[in-house]
Amino acid sequence: MYSSITPLLLVDGYNIIGSWSSLKATRDRHGLEQARHELVETLINYTVHKGYKTRVVFDSQYQKTPSTIEHHSQHLSICFTAWTQTADTYIEKVCAAFFSRQETDHDRIIVATSDRDQYLTAMGYGAEWMSVDVLAKDIQSSRSQVKRKQLNNKRSRGRLLFNCLDTQSQEKLARWLS
């Protein structure tokens, strides 16, 4: 049965950056902001393809700022936690709300992290867990599926001369033929 409620993917942002070699290299060469940007760009298409709502959570515990949420697309947002809160405690609160049915916007919560304690906590609250390696493989698989689909669409459109015409010419030809 299809559910109209979308799953929520909670991504422990700095945990992912510290785990993926490409993002670690970006962080070391160009700084944390660039690594965060690359992570978000990587997740945007994946999120849409999988049908998730994704929230990437970053700690702001060393900066005295309130919690903020930035919406990067309809499907992806970034949460910078309040300065007294870690990404782990934020994710734990969302999972606890889900477990107690206070979080009703999503029928599933998936937590992406390599943090063992976070994994155990999320699972204890009924959320699903995705390791950082599985997330990386799933993103790559998703990219391949999208590319394959785009290639198939190009091939099927390109077989007829009619499809090579611009829209206006196609309309004129269709009227002339009918």
N, C-alpha and C. Protein backbone atom coordinates (compact mmCIF):
# COMPACT_ATOMS: atom_id res chain seq x y z
N MET A 1 0.84 -1.18 0.00
CA MET A 1 0.00 0.00 0.00
C MET A 1 0.88 1.24 0.00
N TYR A 2 0.60 2.20 -0.83
CA TYR A 2 1.37 3.42 -0.95
C TYR A 2 0.95 4.41 0.12
N SER A 3 1.91 4.99 0.78
CA SER A 3 1.63 6.00 1.80
C SER A 3 1.95 7.37 1.25
N SER A 4 1.05 8.32 1.49
CA SER A 4 1.30 9.68 1.01
C SER A 4 2.22 10.43 1.96
N ILE A 5 2.50 9.84 3.12
CA ILE A 5 3.41 10.47 4.08
C ILE A 5 4.82 10.04 3.71
N THR A 6 5.69 11.02 3.54
CA THR A 6 7.05 10.71 3.10
C THR A 6 7.96 10.38 4.28
N PRO A 7 8.91 9.49 4.06
CA PRO A 7 9.89 9.18 5.10
C PRO A 7 10.80 10.38 5.35
N LEU A 8 11.28 10.49 6.57
CA LEU A 8 12.23 11.54 6.94
C LEU A 8 13.60 10.92 7.08
N LEU A 9 14.56 11.44 6.33
CA LEU A 9 15.95 11.02 6.44
C LEU A 9 16.68 12.08 7.26
N LEU A 10 17.16 11.69 8.42
CA LEU A 10 17.96 12.58 9.27
C LEU A 10 19.42 12.24 9.06
N VAL A 11 20.20 13.22 8.63
CA VAL A 11 21.61 13.00 8.31
C VAL A 11 22.46 13.73 9.34
N ASP A 12 23.31 12.99 10.03
CA ASP A 12 24.26 13.58 10.97
C ASP A 12 25.40 14.17 10.14
N GLY A 13 25.27 15.46 9.82
CA GLY A 13 26.12 16.11 8.83
C GLY A 13 27.61 16.00 9.06
N TYR A 14 28.08 16.41 10.23
CA TYR A 14 29.52 16.37 10.48
C TYR A 14 30.04 14.94 10.56
N ASN A 15 29.20 14.01 10.98
CA ASN A 15 29.58 12.61 11.01
C ASN A 15 29.83 12.10 9.59
N ILE A 16 28.97 12.50 8.66
CA ILE A 16 29.14 12.10 7.26
C ILE A 16 30.40 12.74 6.68
N ILE A 17 30.57 14.04 6.94
CA ILE A 17 31.75 14.74 6.43
C ILE A 17 33.03 14.08 6.95
N GLY A 18 33.03 13.67 8.21
CA GLY A 18 34.20 13.02 8.78
C GLY A 18 34.40 11.59 8.33
N SER A 19 33.39 11.01 7.71
CA SER A 19 33.46 9.60 7.29
C SER A 19 33.75 9.41 5.81
N TRP A 20 33.26 10.30 4.97
CA TRP A 20 33.48 10.15 3.53
C TRP A 20 34.80 10.80 3.15
N SER A 21 35.68 10.05 2.51
CA SER A 21 37.01 10.56 2.18
C SER A 21 36.95 11.79 1.28
N SER A 22 36.02 11.83 0.35
CA SER A 22 35.93 12.99 -0.55
C SER A 22 35.55 14.25 0.21
N LEU A 23 34.63 14.12 1.17
CA LEU A 23 34.23 15.29 1.96
C LEU A 23 35.30 15.68 2.97
N LYS A 24 36.02 14.69 3.50
CA LYS A 24 37.14 15.00 4.41
C LYS A 24 38.20 15.79 3.67
N ALA A 25 38.49 15.37 2.44
CA ALA A 25 39.50 16.07 1.63
C ALA A 25 39.06 17.50 1.34
N THR A 26 37.79 17.68 1.00
CA THR A 26 37.26 19.03 0.75
C THR A 26 37.35 19.87 2.01
N ARG A 27 36.96 19.30 3.13
CA ARG A 27 37.04 20.02 4.41
C ARG A 27 38.48 20.45 4.71
N ASP A 28 39.43 19.55 4.49
CA ASP A 28 40.83 19.85 4.80
C ASP A 28 41.42 20.87 3.83
N ARG A 29 41.00 20.84 2.57
CA ARG A 29 41.54 21.77 1.57
C ARG A 29 40.81 23.11 1.53
N HIS A 30 39.48 23.07 1.64
CA HIS A 30 38.69 24.28 1.40
C HIS A 30 37.85 24.73 2.58
N GLY A 31 37.81 23.96 3.63
CA GLY A 31 37.08 24.36 4.82
C GLY A 31 35.75 23.64 4.98
N LEU A 32 35.22 23.79 6.18
CA LEU A 32 33.99 23.11 6.56
C LEU A 32 32.78 23.57 5.76
N GLU A 33 32.72 24.87 5.46
CA GLU A 33 31.57 25.38 4.72
C GLU A 33 31.46 24.74 3.34
N GLN A 34 32.60 24.58 2.65
CA GLN A 34 32.58 23.95 1.33
C GLN A 34 32.19 22.48 1.44
N ALA A 35 32.67 21.80 2.47
CA ALA A 35 32.30 20.39 2.66
C ALA A 35 30.80 20.26 2.94
N ARG A 36 30.25 21.17 3.74
CA ARG A 36 28.80 21.15 3.99
C ARG A 36 28.04 21.36 2.69
N HIS A 37 28.50 22.31 1.88
CA HIS A 37 27.86 22.60 0.59
C HIS A 37 27.87 21.36 -0.31
N GLU A 38 29.00 20.68 -0.40
CA GLU A 38 29.09 19.48 -1.24
C GLU A 38 28.16 18.38 -0.74
N LEU A 39 28.07 18.22 0.57
CA LEU A 39 27.17 17.21 1.14
C LEU A 39 25.73 17.52 0.76
N VAL A 40 25.33 18.77 0.91
CA VAL A 40 23.96 19.17 0.58
C VAL A 40 23.68 18.94 -0.90
N GLU A 41 24.60 19.36 -1.76
CA GLU A 41 24.41 19.16 -3.21
C GLU A 41 24.29 17.68 -3.55
N THR A 42 25.06 16.85 -2.88
CA THR A 42 24.99 15.41 -3.12
C THR A 42 23.64 14.85 -2.71
N LEU A 43 23.09 15.37 -1.62
CA LEU A 43 21.85 14.82 -1.08
C LEU A 43 20.58 15.32 -1.77
N ILE A 44 20.64 16.47 -2.44
CA ILE A 44 19.42 17.05 -3.02
C ILE A 44 18.78 16.11 -4.04
N ASN A 45 19.51 15.69 -5.06
CA ASN A 45 18.93 14.81 -6.08
C ASN A 45 18.57 13.45 -5.51
N TYR A 46 19.40 12.94 -4.63
CA TYR A 46 19.14 11.64 -3.99
C TYR A 46 17.80 11.68 -3.25
N THR A 47 17.60 12.75 -2.51
CA THR A 47 16.39 12.92 -1.72
C THR A 47 15.14 12.89 -2.59
N VAL A 48 15.18 13.61 -3.70
CA VAL A 48 14.03 13.65 -4.61
C VAL A 48 13.81 12.27 -5.23
N HIS A 49 14.89 11.65 -5.69
CA HIS A 49 14.79 10.35 -6.34
C HIS A 49 14.21 9.29 -5.39
N LYS A 50 14.59 9.32 -4.13
CA LYS A 50 14.12 8.33 -3.16
C LYS A 50 12.76 8.68 -2.57
N GLY A 51 12.31 9.92 -2.75
CA GLY A 51 11.02 10.32 -2.20
C GLY A 51 11.09 10.65 -0.72
N TYR A 52 12.24 11.08 -0.26
CA TYR A 52 12.43 11.42 1.15
C TYR A 52 12.26 12.91 1.38
N LYS A 53 11.99 13.26 2.62
CA LYS A 53 12.23 14.60 3.14
C LYS A 53 13.53 14.43 3.91
N THR A 54 14.51 15.23 3.63
CA THR A 54 15.80 15.08 4.28
C THR A 54 16.12 16.30 5.12
N ARG A 55 16.61 16.04 6.31
CA ARG A 55 17.07 17.12 7.19
C ARG A 55 18.51 16.79 7.57
N VAL A 56 19.44 17.63 7.12
CA VAL A 56 20.84 17.47 7.46
C VAL A 56 21.08 18.27 8.73
N VAL A 57 21.59 17.62 9.75
CA VAL A 57 21.74 18.26 11.06
C VAL A 57 23.22 18.51 11.35
N PHE A 58 23.54 19.77 11.65
CA PHE A 58 24.90 20.16 12.02
C PHE A 58 24.90 20.74 13.42
N ASP A 59 25.94 20.41 14.18
CA ASP A 59 26.12 21.00 15.51
C ASP A 59 26.43 22.48 15.38
N SER A 60 25.88 23.26 16.28
CA SER A 60 26.28 24.66 16.42
C SER A 60 26.68 24.93 17.86
N GLN A 61 27.08 23.87 18.55
CA GLN A 61 27.29 23.96 19.98
C GLN A 61 28.39 24.94 20.39
N TYR A 62 29.30 25.30 19.51
CA TYR A 62 30.38 26.22 19.88
C TYR A 62 30.07 27.66 19.50
N GLN A 63 28.94 27.89 18.88
CA GLN A 63 28.53 29.25 18.52
C GLN A 63 27.25 29.56 19.26
N LYS A 64 27.22 30.68 19.91
CA LYS A 64 26.05 31.05 20.73
C LYS A 64 24.94 31.60 19.84
N THR A 65 24.31 30.69 19.12
CA THR A 65 23.22 31.07 18.22
C THR A 65 22.03 30.16 18.48
N PRO A 66 20.83 30.63 18.18
CA PRO A 66 19.66 29.75 18.32
C PRO A 66 19.64 28.73 17.18
N SER A 67 18.83 27.73 17.34
CA SER A 67 18.64 26.72 16.30
C SER A 67 18.03 27.37 15.06
N THR A 68 18.55 27.03 13.90
CA THR A 68 17.99 27.56 12.65
C THR A 68 17.80 26.43 11.65
N ILE A 69 16.78 26.60 10.82
CA ILE A 69 16.55 25.64 9.74
C ILE A 69 16.54 26.41 8.43
N GLU A 70 17.38 25.96 7.49
CA GLU A 70 17.44 26.56 6.16
C GLU A 70 16.83 25.56 5.18
N HIS A 71 15.90 26.02 4.37
CA HIS A 71 15.27 25.15 3.37
C HIS A 71 15.99 25.34 2.04
N HIS A 72 16.62 24.28 1.56
CA HIS A 72 17.37 24.34 0.30
C HIS A 72 16.54 23.88 -0.88
N SER A 73 15.51 23.13 -0.61
CA SER A 73 14.56 22.71 -1.64
C SER A 73 13.30 22.26 -0.92
N GLN A 74 12.33 21.87 -1.68
CA GLN A 74 11.09 21.37 -1.09
C GLN A 74 11.35 20.09 -0.28
N HIS A 75 12.41 19.39 -0.63
CA HIS A 75 12.68 18.09 -0.03
C HIS A 75 13.84 18.08 0.95
N LEU A 76 14.64 19.13 0.98
CA LEU A 76 15.84 19.10 1.82
C LEU A 76 15.98 20.38 2.62
N SER A 77 16.26 20.20 3.90
CA SER A 77 16.53 21.34 4.77
C SER A 77 17.77 21.04 5.61
N ILE A 78 18.36 22.11 6.11
CA ILE A 78 19.53 21.99 6.97
C ILE A 78 19.15 22.57 8.32
N CYS A 79 19.48 21.84 9.37
CA CYS A 79 19.25 22.33 10.73
C CYS A 79 20.61 22.56 11.39
N PHE A 80 20.83 23.79 11.83
CA PHE A 80 21.98 24.09 12.68
C PHE A 80 21.42 24.13 14.10
N THR A 81 21.90 23.25 14.96
CA THR A 81 21.33 23.15 16.30
C THR A 81 21.66 24.39 17.12
N ALA A 82 20.93 24.57 18.20
CA ALA A 82 21.22 25.65 19.14
C ALA A 82 22.58 25.38 19.78
N TRP A 83 23.20 26.42 20.30
CA TRP A 83 24.57 26.27 20.81
C TRP A 83 24.68 25.31 21.98
N THR A 84 23.60 25.02 22.66
CA THR A 84 23.64 24.08 23.79
C THR A 84 23.28 22.66 23.36
N GLN A 85 23.05 22.45 22.09
CA GLN A 85 22.56 21.16 21.61
C GLN A 85 23.52 20.58 20.58
N THR A 86 23.65 19.26 20.59
CA THR A 86 24.45 18.58 19.57
C THR A 86 23.51 18.01 18.51
N ALA A 87 24.10 17.62 17.40
CA ALA A 87 23.30 16.96 16.36
C ALA A 87 22.70 15.66 16.92
N ASP A 88 23.47 14.97 17.74
CA ASP A 88 22.98 13.72 18.33
C ASP A 88 21.73 13.94 19.17
N THR A 89 21.75 14.97 20.02
CA THR A 89 20.57 15.21 20.87
C THR A 89 19.39 15.68 20.05
N TYR A 90 19.64 16.45 19.00
CA TYR A 90 18.56 16.89 18.11
C TYR A 90 17.90 15.67 17.45
N ILE A 91 18.73 14.80 16.90
CA ILE A 91 18.22 13.60 16.23
C ILE A 91 17.47 12.71 17.23
N GLU A 92 18.02 12.60 18.42
CA GLU A 92 17.37 11.80 19.46
C GLU A 92 15.98 12.36 19.79
N LYS A 93 15.86 13.68 19.88
CA LYS A 93 14.55 14.29 20.18
C LYS A 93 13.54 14.03 19.07
N VAL A 94 13.98 14.12 17.82
CA VAL A 94 13.07 13.85 16.70
C VAL A 94 12.63 12.39 16.74
N CYS A 95 13.56 11.48 17.01
CA CYS A 95 13.21 10.05 17.09
C CYS A 95 12.27 9.78 18.26
N ALA A 96 12.51 10.44 19.39
CA ALA A 96 11.63 10.26 20.56
C ALA A 96 10.22 10.76 20.25
N ALA A 97 10.12 11.90 19.56
CA ALA A 97 8.81 12.44 19.18
C ALA A 97 8.10 11.48 18.22
N PHE A 98 8.86 10.88 17.32
CA PHE A 98 8.31 9.90 16.39
C PHE A 98 7.78 8.69 17.17
N PHE A 99 8.57 8.21 18.12
CA PHE A 99 8.21 7.03 18.92
C PHE A 99 6.94 7.29 19.74
N SER A 100 6.82 8.49 20.28
CA SER A 100 5.65 8.81 21.11
C SER A 100 4.48 9.34 20.28
N ARG A 101 4.64 9.28 18.96
CA ARG A 101 3.61 9.70 18.00
C ARG A 101 3.34 11.20 18.02
N GLN A 102 4.26 11.99 18.57
CA GLN A 102 4.13 13.45 18.48
C GLN A 102 4.58 13.92 17.10
N GLU A 103 5.48 13.17 16.50
CA GLU A 103 5.97 13.45 15.14
C GLU A 103 5.11 12.63 14.20
N THR A 104 4.11 13.28 13.58
CA THR A 104 3.17 12.54 12.73
C THR A 104 3.29 12.92 11.26
N ASP A 105 4.26 13.74 10.92
CA ASP A 105 4.43 14.15 9.53
C ASP A 105 5.09 13.07 8.68
N HIS A 106 5.66 12.06 9.33
CA HIS A 106 6.41 11.04 8.60
C HIS A 106 6.02 9.66 9.12
N ASP A 107 5.95 8.70 8.20
CA ASP A 107 5.63 7.34 8.61
C ASP A 107 6.88 6.53 8.92
N ARG A 108 8.02 7.03 8.51
CA ARG A 108 9.31 6.38 8.77
C ARG A 108 10.34 7.45 9.05
N ILE A 109 11.28 7.13 9.91
CA ILE A 109 12.45 7.98 10.11
C ILE A 109 13.67 7.11 9.91
N ILE A 110 14.59 7.61 9.10
CA ILE A 110 15.84 6.91 8.82
C ILE A 110 16.96 7.83 9.30
N VAL A 111 17.86 7.30 10.11
CA VAL A 111 18.97 8.09 10.63
C VAL A 111 20.25 7.60 9.96
N ALA A 112 20.95 8.52 9.29
CA ALA A 112 22.20 8.20 8.61
C ALA A 112 23.36 8.71 9.46
N THR A 113 24.12 7.78 10.02
CA THR A 113 25.26 8.12 10.87
C THR A 113 26.14 6.88 11.03
N SER A 114 27.38 7.09 11.43
CA SER A 114 28.24 5.96 11.78
C SER A 114 28.42 5.89 13.30
N ASP A 115 27.79 6.80 14.01
CA ASP A 115 27.89 6.87 15.47
C ASP A 115 27.09 5.72 16.09
N ARG A 116 27.79 4.80 16.75
CA ARG A 116 27.14 3.61 17.31
C ARG A 116 26.08 3.95 18.34
N ASP A 117 26.36 4.89 19.23
CA ASP A 117 25.38 5.27 20.24
C ASP A 117 24.12 5.84 19.59
N GLN A 118 24.33 6.65 18.55
CA GLN A 118 23.20 7.24 17.84
C GLN A 118 22.38 6.16 17.15
N TYR A 119 23.07 5.19 16.59
CA TYR A 119 22.42 4.05 15.94
C TYR A 119 21.53 3.31 16.93
N LEU A 120 22.07 3.01 18.11
CA LEU A 120 21.30 2.27 19.11
C LEU A 120 20.11 3.08 19.61
N THR A 121 20.31 4.37 19.81
CA THR A 121 19.22 5.24 20.28
C THR A 121 18.11 5.31 19.23
N ALA A 122 18.50 5.54 17.98
CA ALA A 122 17.51 5.65 16.90
C ALA A 122 16.70 4.36 16.78
N MET A 123 17.39 3.24 16.80
CA MET A 123 16.70 1.95 16.69
C MET A 123 15.78 1.73 17.89
N GLY A 124 16.21 2.16 19.07
CA GLY A 124 15.39 2.03 20.26
C GLY A 124 14.09 2.81 20.17
N TYR A 125 14.10 3.90 19.42
CA TYR A 125 12.90 4.71 19.24
C TYR A 125 12.09 4.29 18.01
N GLY A 126 12.48 3.21 17.37
CA GLY A 126 11.70 2.72 16.24
C GLY A 126 12.09 3.32 14.90
N ALA A 127 13.17 4.09 14.89
CA ALA A 127 13.66 4.65 13.62
C ALA A 127 14.54 3.60 12.94
N GLU A 128 14.76 3.79 11.66
CA GLU A 128 15.66 2.92 10.92
C GLU A 128 17.04 3.56 10.91
N TRP A 129 18.05 2.75 10.69
CA TRP A 129 19.42 3.25 10.67
C TRP A 129 20.04 2.94 9.32
N MET A 130 20.82 3.89 8.82
CA MET A 130 21.56 3.70 7.58
C MET A 130 23.00 4.10 7.86
N SER A 131 23.92 3.19 7.62
CA SER A 131 25.33 3.51 7.84
C SER A 131 25.80 4.50 6.78
N VAL A 132 26.90 5.18 7.06
CA VAL A 132 27.41 6.16 6.09
C VAL A 132 27.86 5.47 4.81
N ASP A 133 28.35 4.24 4.92
CA ASP A 133 28.76 3.50 3.73
C ASP A 133 27.56 3.10 2.88
N VAL A 134 26.50 2.65 3.53
CA VAL A 134 25.28 2.28 2.80
C VAL A 134 24.69 3.52 2.14
N LEU A 135 24.69 4.65 2.84
CA LEU A 135 24.19 5.89 2.25
C LEU A 135 24.99 6.25 1.00
N ALA A 136 26.31 6.16 1.07
CA ALA A 136 27.16 6.48 -0.08
C ALA A 136 26.85 5.55 -1.26
N LYS A 137 26.70 4.27 -0.99
CA LYS A 137 26.39 3.31 -2.06
C LYS A 137 25.00 3.56 -2.64
N ASP A 138 24.05 3.89 -1.77
CA ASP A 138 22.68 4.15 -2.23
C ASP A 138 22.63 5.41 -3.09
N ILE A 139 23.41 6.42 -2.72
CA ILE A 139 23.47 7.65 -3.52
C ILE A 139 24.05 7.34 -4.89
N GLN A 140 25.12 6.55 -4.93
CA GLN A 140 25.74 6.18 -6.21
C GLN A 140 24.77 5.37 -7.06
N SER A 141 24.06 4.45 -6.45
CA SER A 141 23.07 3.65 -7.17
C SER A 141 21.96 4.53 -7.72
N SER A 142 21.52 5.47 -6.92
CA SER A 142 20.47 6.40 -7.35
C SER A 142 20.93 7.23 -8.55
N ARG A 143 22.18 7.71 -8.49
CA ARG A 143 22.73 8.48 -9.62
C ARG A 143 22.73 7.63 -10.90
N SER A 144 23.16 6.38 -10.77
CA SER A 144 23.21 5.49 -11.93
C SER A 144 21.82 5.25 -12.51
N GLN A 145 20.83 5.06 -11.65
CA GLN A 145 19.46 4.84 -12.11
C GLN A 145 18.93 6.06 -12.85
N VAL A 146 19.20 7.24 -12.31
CA VAL A 146 18.73 8.48 -12.95
C VAL A 146 19.40 8.65 -14.31
N LYS A 147 20.72 8.41 -14.38
CA LYS A 147 21.44 8.54 -15.65
C LYS A 147 20.91 7.55 -16.69
N ARG A 148 20.67 6.31 -16.24
CA ARG A 148 20.14 5.29 -17.15
C ARG A 148 18.77 5.70 -17.68
N LYS A 149 17.93 6.21 -16.80
CA LYS A 149 16.59 6.63 -17.20
C LYS A 149 16.66 7.80 -18.19
N GLN A 150 17.55 8.76 -17.92
CA GLN A 150 17.71 9.89 -18.83
C GLN A 150 18.22 9.43 -20.19
N LEU A 151 19.15 8.50 -20.19
CA LEU A 151 19.69 7.98 -21.44
C LEU A 151 18.60 7.25 -22.23
N ASN A 152 17.79 6.45 -21.55
CA ASN A 152 16.70 5.75 -22.22
C ASN A 152 15.67 6.73 -22.78
N ASN A 153 15.38 7.79 -22.04
CA ASN A 153 14.45 8.81 -22.54
C ASN A 153 15.00 9.49 -23.78
N LYS A 154 16.29 9.79 -23.79
CA LYS A 154 16.90 10.43 -24.96
C LYS A 154 16.84 9.50 -26.16
N ARG A 155 17.14 8.23 -25.92
CA ARG A 155 17.12 7.26 -27.02
C ARG A 155 15.72 7.12 -27.61
N SER A 156 14.71 7.00 -26.76
CA SER A 156 13.36 6.80 -27.27
C SER A 156 12.84 8.04 -27.98
N ARG A 157 13.22 9.22 -27.50
CA ARG A 157 12.79 10.45 -28.16
C ARG A 157 13.51 10.65 -29.49
N GLY A 158 14.75 10.21 -29.56
CA GLY A 158 15.56 10.48 -30.73
C GLY A 158 15.30 9.59 -31.92
N ARG A 159 14.46 8.60 -31.81
CA ARG A 159 14.24 7.67 -32.90
C ARG A 159 13.36 8.24 -34.01
N LEU A 160 12.53 9.21 -33.69
CA LEU A 160 11.65 9.78 -34.69
C LEU A 160 12.13 11.18 -35.06
N LEU A 161 12.10 11.46 -36.35
CA LEU A 161 12.49 12.78 -36.83
C LEU A 161 11.60 13.85 -36.23
N PHE A 162 10.33 13.53 -36.04
CA PHE A 162 9.36 14.46 -35.47
C PHE A 162 9.85 15.02 -34.13
N ASN A 163 10.50 14.18 -33.33
CA ASN A 163 10.96 14.60 -32.00
C ASN A 163 12.15 15.54 -32.05
N CYS A 164 12.78 15.64 -33.20
CA CYS A 164 13.92 16.55 -33.34
C CYS A 164 13.46 17.97 -33.65
N LEU A 165 12.20 18.13 -33.99
CA LEU A 165 11.66 19.46 -34.32
C LEU A 165 11.34 20.23 -33.05
N ASP A 166 11.38 21.57 -33.16
CA ASP A 166 10.97 22.38 -32.02
C ASP A 166 9.46 22.27 -31.86
N THR A 167 8.96 22.72 -30.71
CA THR A 167 7.54 22.56 -30.37
C THR A 167 6.62 23.20 -31.40
N GLN A 168 6.97 24.39 -31.85
CA GLN A 168 6.12 25.11 -32.81
C GLN A 168 6.03 24.32 -34.13
N SER A 169 7.15 23.81 -34.60
CA SER A 169 7.15 23.03 -35.84
C SER A 169 6.37 21.73 -35.68
N GLN A 170 6.47 21.10 -34.50
CA GLN A 170 5.71 19.88 -34.24
C GLN A 170 4.22 20.15 -34.30
N GLU A 171 3.79 21.28 -33.73
CA GLU A 171 2.37 21.64 -33.74
C GLU A 171 1.88 21.89 -35.16
N LYS A 172 2.67 22.62 -35.97
CA LYS A 172 2.30 22.89 -37.36
C LYS A 172 2.18 21.59 -38.15
N LEU A 173 3.14 20.71 -37.98
CA LEU A 173 3.13 19.44 -38.69
C LEU A 173 1.93 18.59 -38.26
N ALA A 174 1.63 18.58 -36.99
CA ALA A 174 0.49 17.81 -36.49
C ALA A 174 -0.81 18.33 -37.07
N ARG A 175 -0.95 19.67 -37.16
CA ARG A 175 -2.17 20.26 -37.75
C ARG A 175 -2.25 19.92 -39.24
N TRP A 176 -1.14 19.96 -39.94
CA TRP A 176 -1.09 19.69 -41.36
C TRP A 176 -1.46 18.23 -41.64
N LEU A 177 -1.02 17.32 -40.77
CA LEU A 177 -1.29 15.90 -40.97
C LEU A 177 -2.71 15.51 -40.59
N SER A 178 -3.37 16.28 -39.74
CA SER A 178 -4.71 15.88 -39.32
C SER A 178 -5.80 16.43 -40.19
